[in-house]
Amino acid sequence: MFRYSDKEIKEILKEATVVVDTREQKCGHIIEYFKTKKIPYVCEKLDFGDYTLKVHLPHLERPVYLQDKCVIERKANLNELSGNFTQSRERIESEFLKGRGKMYLLIENAKYEDILLHNYNTKYLPQSFMGTLKAFEARYDLKIMYLENINYSGDFIYRTLQHHLRERLRRGEL
């Protein structure tokens, strides 16, 4: 187990780069947030998920990807997610099966009650939709975040990944 000083952790966190999957679509608002806040990011292919971090650790020559430690899957809205569950369920489920570590599902333009009130434009019934989400939470240790205002998506992604990295560094897990 390698232990970093507080100073080293601060430096590693400052240099950590957000990795955006190359297949991620309609994420201009998130990229704009990263640019505005001067958060380093790169677009690279990820095996699963839409966002993770890569870091350069002082004792290693090559970067370390946190994809196996923490990843965020983003859906633009409930219509997209319900379509995934009804039209390409095997694909989305295989995405979560590949995941290891903490996995977050960020659902933009939505509130929890939007599912219960059927405030989305598909025929997927609210009880089925919620049942699938709750089953996935239990099955894949998935953490679900509803974010009505997409202007905060970049902040959610960055802070979530940064705090996972910080805790892993403090515990000597990287």
C-alpha atoms as a PDB file:
ATOM      1  CA  MET A   1       0.000   0.000   0.000  1.00  0.00           C
ATOM      2  CA  PHE A   2       1.428   3.353  -1.065  1.00  0.00           C
ATOM      3  CA  ARG A   3       0.648   6.373   1.141  1.00  0.00           C
ATOM      4  CA  TYR A   4       0.691   9.925  -0.180  1.00  0.00           C
ATOM      5  CA  SER A   5       1.210  13.075   1.828  1.00  0.00           C
ATOM      6  CA  ASP A   6      -1.549  15.692   1.876  1.00  0.00           C
ATOM      7  CA  LYS A   7       0.601  17.854  -0.387  1.00  0.00           C
ATOM      8  CA  GLU A   8       1.022  15.021  -2.908  1.00  0.00           C
ATOM      9  CA  ILE A   9      -2.714  14.284  -2.854  1.00  0.00           C
ATOM     10  CA  LYS A  10      -3.498  17.937  -3.521  1.00  0.00           C
ATOM     11  CA  GLU A  11      -1.132  17.946  -6.504  1.00  0.00           C
ATOM     12  CA  ILE A  12      -2.505  14.686  -7.926  1.00  0.00           C
ATOM     13  CA  LEU A  13      -6.078  15.998  -7.628  1.00  0.00           C
ATOM     14  CA  LYS A  14      -5.139  19.239  -9.369  1.00  0.00           C
ATOM     15  CA  GLU A  15      -3.625  17.350 -12.307  1.00  0.00           C
ATOM     16  CA  ALA A  16      -6.347  14.663 -12.594  1.00  0.00           C
ATOM     17  CA  THR A  17      -7.982  14.617 -16.034  1.00  0.00           C
ATOM     18  CA  VAL A  18     -11.625  13.835 -16.695  1.00  0.00           C
ATOM     19  CA  VAL A  19     -11.993  11.218 -19.428  1.00  0.00           C
ATOM     20  CA  VAL A  20     -15.077  11.650 -21.603  1.00  0.00           C
ATOM     21  CA  ASP A  21     -16.038   8.623 -23.680  1.00  0.00           C
ATOM     22  CA  THR A  22     -15.754   9.309 -27.415  1.00  0.00           C
ATOM     23  CA  ARG A  23     -19.255   7.861 -27.937  1.00  0.00           C
ATOM     24  CA  GLU A  24     -20.800  10.365 -25.509  1.00  0.00           C
ATOM     25  CA  GLN A  25     -23.327  12.520 -27.353  1.00  0.00           C
ATOM     26  CA  LYS A  26     -24.891  15.898 -26.658  1.00  0.00           C
ATOM     27  CA  CYS A  27     -22.489  16.703 -23.855  1.00  0.00           C
ATOM     28  CA  GLY A  28     -21.536  20.209 -24.988  1.00  0.00           C
ATOM     29  CA  HIS A  29     -22.871  21.718 -21.767  1.00  0.00           C
ATOM     30  CA  ILE A  30     -20.550  19.476 -19.757  1.00  0.00           C
ATOM     31  CA  ILE A  31     -17.501  20.183 -21.930  1.00  0.00           C
ATOM     32  CA  GLU A  32     -18.281  23.910 -21.684  1.00  0.00           C
ATOM     33  CA  TYR A  33     -18.359  23.626 -17.886  1.00  0.00           C
ATOM     34  CA  PHE A  34     -14.945  21.927 -17.915  1.00  0.00           C
ATOM     35  CA  LYS A  35     -13.537  24.647 -20.178  1.00  0.00           C
ATOM     36  CA  THR A  36     -15.012  27.481 -18.112  1.00  0.00           C
ATOM     37  CA  LYS A  37     -13.664  26.021 -14.866  1.00  0.00           C
ATOM     38  CA  LYS A  38     -10.323  25.081 -16.498  1.00  0.00           C
ATOM     39  CA  ILE A  39     -10.822  21.420 -15.628  1.00  0.00           C
ATOM     40  CA  PRO A  40      -8.525  19.199 -17.673  1.00  0.00           C
ATOM     41  CA  TYR A  41     -10.401  16.698 -19.839  1.00  0.00           C
ATOM     42  CA  VAL A  42      -9.759  14.394 -22.790  1.00  0.00           C
ATOM     43  CA  CYS A  43     -12.030  12.428 -25.092  1.00  0.00           C
ATOM     44  CA  GLU A  44     -11.003   8.772 -25.205  1.00  0.00           C
ATOM     45  CA  LYS A  45     -12.806   5.489 -25.719  1.00  0.00           C
ATOM     46  CA  LEU A  46     -13.985   3.922 -22.477  1.00  0.00           C
ATOM     47  CA  ASP A  47     -14.960   0.261 -22.193  1.00  0.00           C
ATOM     48  CA  PHE A  48     -18.007   1.222 -20.147  1.00  0.00           C
ATOM     49  CA  GLY A  49     -19.507   4.380 -18.714  1.00  0.00           C
ATOM     50  CA  ASP A  50     -19.291   7.921 -20.035  1.00  0.00           C
ATOM     51  CA  TYR A  51     -16.949   9.644 -17.560  1.00  0.00           C
ATOM     52  CA  THR A  52     -14.041   8.672 -15.340  1.00  0.00           C
ATOM     53  CA  LEU A  53     -10.629  10.079 -14.362  1.00  0.00           C
ATOM     54  CA  LYS A  54      -7.063   9.405 -15.331  1.00  0.00           C
ATOM     55  CA  VAL A  55      -4.215  10.424 -13.077  1.00  0.00           C
ATOM     56  CA  HIS A  56      -0.463  10.511 -13.109  1.00  0.00           C
ATOM     57  CA  LEU A  57       0.869   9.079  -9.864  1.00  0.00           C
ATOM     58  CA  PRO A  58       4.392  10.056  -8.778  1.00  0.00           C
ATOM     59  CA  HIS A  59       5.591   6.466  -8.358  1.00  0.00           C
ATOM     60  CA  LEU A  60       4.294   5.237 -11.748  1.00  0.00           C
ATOM     61  CA  GLU A  61       5.458   6.067 -15.252  1.00  0.00           C
ATOM     62  CA  ARG A  62       2.125   5.719 -17.040  1.00  0.00           C
ATOM     63  CA  PRO A  63      -1.292   7.182 -16.198  1.00  0.00           C
ATOM     64  CA  VAL A  64      -3.802   5.261 -14.110  1.00  0.00           C
ATOM     65  CA  TYR A  65      -7.441   5.144 -15.202  1.00  0.00           C
ATOM     66  CA  LEU A  66     -10.105   5.010 -12.514  1.00  0.00           C
ATOM     67  CA  GLN A  67     -12.655   3.272 -14.742  1.00  0.00           C
ATOM     68  CA  ASP A  68     -12.548   0.182 -12.503  1.00  0.00           C
ATOM     69  CA  LYS A  69     -12.935   2.353  -9.387  1.00  0.00           C
ATOM     70  CA  CYS A  70     -15.535   4.974 -10.312  1.00  0.00           C
ATOM     71  CA  VAL A  71     -17.495   5.673 -13.482  1.00  0.00           C
ATOM     72  CA  ILE A  72     -20.496   7.795 -14.402  1.00  0.00           C
ATOM     73  CA  GLU A  73     -23.051   6.807 -17.021  1.00  0.00           C
ATOM     74  CA  ARG A  74     -25.118   9.796 -18.222  1.00  0.00           C
ATOM     75  CA  LYS A  75     -28.556   9.803 -19.804  1.00  0.00           C
ATOM     76  CA  ALA A  76     -29.908  13.056 -21.261  1.00  0.00           C
ATOM     77  CA  ASN A  77     -33.464  12.404 -20.082  1.00  0.00           C
ATOM     78  CA  LEU A  78     -36.027   9.784 -19.097  1.00  0.00           C
ATOM     79  CA  ASN A  79     -37.035   9.230 -22.733  1.00  0.00           C
ATOM     80  CA  GLU A  80     -33.509   8.089 -23.591  1.00  0.00           C
ATOM     81  CA  LEU A  81     -33.293   5.850 -20.532  1.00  0.00           C
ATOM     82  CA  SER A  82     -36.724   4.274 -21.021  1.00  0.00           C
ATOM     83  CA  GLY A  83     -35.781   3.635 -24.659  1.00  0.00           C
ATOM     84  CA  ASN A  84     -32.625   1.887 -23.472  1.00  0.00           C
ATOM     85  CA  PHE A  85     -34.654  -0.300 -21.117  1.00  0.00           C
ATOM     86  CA  THR A  86     -37.297  -1.214 -23.691  1.00  0.00           C
ATOM     87  CA  GLN A  87     -35.421  -1.321 -27.018  1.00  0.00           C
ATOM     88  CA  SER A  88     -31.823  -2.185 -26.131  1.00  0.00           C
ATOM     89  CA  ARG A  89     -31.990  -3.618 -22.632  1.00  0.00           C
ATOM     90  CA  GLU A  90     -29.241  -6.194 -23.281  1.00  0.00           C
ATOM     91  CA  ARG A  91     -26.840  -3.427 -24.328  1.00  0.00           C
ATOM     92  CA  ILE A  92     -27.417  -1.230 -21.271  1.00  0.00           C
ATOM     93  CA  GLU A  93     -27.375  -4.221 -18.937  1.00  0.00           C
ATOM     94  CA  SER A  94     -24.089  -5.459 -20.424  1.00  0.00           C
ATOM     95  CA  GLU A  95     -22.721  -1.944 -19.838  1.00  0.00           C
ATOM     96  CA  PHE A  96     -23.489  -2.251 -16.129  1.00  0.00           C
ATOM     97  CA  LEU A  97     -22.221  -5.846 -16.021  1.00  0.00           C
ATOM     98  CA  LYS A  98     -18.801  -4.663 -17.234  1.00  0.00           C
ATOM     99  CA  GLY A  99     -18.618  -2.129 -14.428  1.00  0.00           C
ATOM    100  CA  ARG A 100     -16.554  -2.588 -11.341  1.00  0.00           C
ATOM    101  CA  GLY A 101     -16.261  -0.218  -8.421  1.00  0.00           C
ATOM    102  CA  LYS A 102     -18.687   2.649  -7.875  1.00  0.00           C
ATOM    103  CA  MET A 103     -21.082   3.282 -10.725  1.00  0.00           C
ATOM    104  CA  TYR A 104     -23.323   6.306 -10.998  1.00  0.00           C
ATOM    105  CA  LEU A 105     -26.249   6.809 -13.334  1.00  0.00           C
ATOM    106  CA  LEU A 106     -26.816  10.518 -13.930  1.00  0.00           C
ATOM    107  CA  ILE A 107     -30.272  11.209 -15.368  1.00  0.00           C
ATOM    108  CA  GLU A 108     -30.533  14.766 -16.642  1.00  0.00           C
ATOM    109  CA  ASN A 109     -33.687  16.825 -17.120  1.00  0.00           C
ATOM    110  CA  ALA A 110     -35.514  14.681 -14.569  1.00  0.00           C
ATOM    111  CA  LYS A 111     -36.742  14.359 -11.027  1.00  0.00           C
ATOM    112  CA  TYR A 112     -37.563  11.110  -9.230  1.00  0.00           C
ATOM    113  CA  GLU A 113     -41.268  11.885  -9.284  1.00  0.00           C
ATOM    114  CA  ASP A 114     -41.215  12.356 -13.079  1.00  0.00           C
ATOM    115  CA  ILE A 115     -41.088   8.575 -13.390  1.00  0.00           C
ATOM    116  CA  LEU A 116     -43.935   8.030 -10.956  1.00  0.00           C
ATOM    117  CA  LEU A 117     -46.060  10.685 -12.706  1.00  0.00           C
ATOM    118  CA  HIS A 118     -45.183   9.353 -16.186  1.00  0.00           C
ATOM    119  CA  ASN A 119     -43.629  12.698 -17.199  1.00  0.00           C
ATOM    120  CA  TYR A 120     -41.781  11.205 -20.176  1.00  0.00           C
ATOM    121  CA  ASN A 121     -42.800  10.451 -23.743  1.00  0.00           C
ATOM    122  CA  THR A 122     -42.722   6.667 -23.983  1.00  0.00           C
ATOM    123  CA  LYS A 123     -45.231   3.935 -23.209  1.00  0.00           C
ATOM    124  CA  TYR A 124     -42.951   2.363 -20.588  1.00  0.00           C
ATOM    125  CA  LEU A 125     -45.170   2.115 -17.513  1.00  0.00           C
ATOM    126  CA  PRO A 126     -43.992   3.949 -14.379  1.00  0.00           C
ATOM    127  CA  GLN A 127     -44.097   0.816 -12.187  1.00  0.00           C
ATOM    128  CA  SER A 128     -41.983  -1.104 -14.743  1.00  0.00           C
ATOM    129  CA  PHE A 129     -39.567   1.807 -15.188  1.00  0.00           C
ATOM    130  CA  MET A 130     -39.081   2.245 -11.448  1.00  0.00           C
ATOM    131  CA  GLY A 131     -38.856  -1.522 -10.956  1.00  0.00           C
ATOM    132  CA  THR A 132     -36.040  -1.752 -13.489  1.00  0.00           C
ATOM    133  CA  LEU A 133     -34.160   1.142 -11.881  1.00  0.00           C
ATOM    134  CA  LYS A 134     -34.493  -0.332  -8.393  1.00  0.00           C
ATOM    135  CA  ALA A 135     -33.435  -3.777  -9.625  1.00  0.00           C
ATOM    136  CA  PHE A 136     -30.368  -2.263 -11.322  1.00  0.00           C
ATOM    137  CA  GLU A 137     -29.514  -0.332  -8.154  1.00  0.00           C
ATOM    138  CA  ALA A 138     -29.502  -3.556  -6.167  1.00  0.00           C
ATOM    139  CA  ARG A 139     -27.965  -5.771  -8.859  1.00  0.00           C
ATOM    140  CA  TYR A 140     -25.066  -3.484  -9.847  1.00  0.00           C
ATOM    141  CA  ASP A 141     -24.637  -1.355  -6.712  1.00  0.00           C
ATOM    142  CA  LEU A 142     -25.701   1.541  -8.911  1.00  0.00           C
ATOM    143  CA  LYS A 143     -26.124   5.034  -7.473  1.00  0.00           C
ATOM    144  CA  ILE A 144     -28.798   7.036  -9.299  1.00  0.00           C
ATOM    145  CA  MET A 145     -28.757  10.826  -9.449  1.00  0.00           C
ATOM    146  CA  TYR A 146     -31.615  12.853 -10.931  1.00  0.00           C
ATOM    147  CA  LEU A 147     -30.568  16.305 -12.090  1.00  0.00           C
ATOM    148  CA  GLU A 148     -33.305  18.573 -13.365  1.00  0.00           C
ATOM    149  CA  ASN A 149     -30.983  21.447 -14.306  1.00  0.00           C
ATOM    150  CA  ILE A 150     -28.280  20.267 -16.727  1.00  0.00           C
ATOM    151  CA  ASN A 151     -26.151  23.315 -15.912  1.00  0.00           C
ATOM    152  CA  TYR A 152     -24.972  21.364 -12.852  1.00  0.00           C
ATOM    153  CA  SER A 153     -24.052  18.139 -14.654  1.00  0.00           C
ATOM    154  CA  GLY A 154     -20.409  19.087 -15.157  1.00  0.00           C
ATOM    155  CA  ASP A 155     -20.078  20.009 -11.501  1.00  0.00           C
ATOM    156  CA  PHE A 156     -21.687  16.728 -10.391  1.00  0.00           C
ATOM    157  CA  ILE A 157     -19.389  14.698 -12.635  1.00  0.00           C
ATOM    158  CA  TYR A 158     -16.219  16.513 -11.610  1.00  0.00           C
ATOM    159  CA  ARG A 159     -16.880  16.583  -7.857  1.00  0.00           C
ATOM    160  CA  THR A 160     -18.008  12.954  -7.761  1.00  0.00           C
ATOM    161  CA  LEU A 161     -14.880  11.729  -9.547  1.00  0.00           C
ATOM    162  CA  GLN A 162     -12.538  14.014  -7.578  1.00  0.00           C
ATOM    163  CA  HIS A 163     -13.873  12.894  -4.196  1.00  0.00           C
ATOM    164  CA  HIS A 164     -13.597   9.227  -5.120  1.00  0.00           C
ATOM    165  CA  LEU A 165     -10.011   9.808  -6.170  1.00  0.00           C
ATOM    166  CA  ARG A 166      -9.200  11.738  -2.986  1.00  0.00           C
ATOM    167  CA  GLU A 167     -10.602   9.004  -0.742  1.00  0.00           C
ATOM    168  CA  ARG A 168      -8.751   6.246  -2.601  1.00  0.00           C
ATOM    169  CA  LEU A 169      -5.497   8.186  -2.339  1.00  0.00           C
ATOM    170  CA  ARG A 170      -6.021   8.815   1.386  1.00  0.00           C
ATOM    171  CA  ARG A 171      -6.677   5.101   1.987  1.00  0.00           C
ATOM    172  CA  GLY A 172      -3.635   4.105  -0.059  1.00  0.00           C
ATOM    173  CA  GLU A 173      -5.713   2.236  -2.646  1.00  0.00           C
ATOM    174  CA  LEU A 174      -3.898   3.612  -5.695  1.00  0.00           C
END
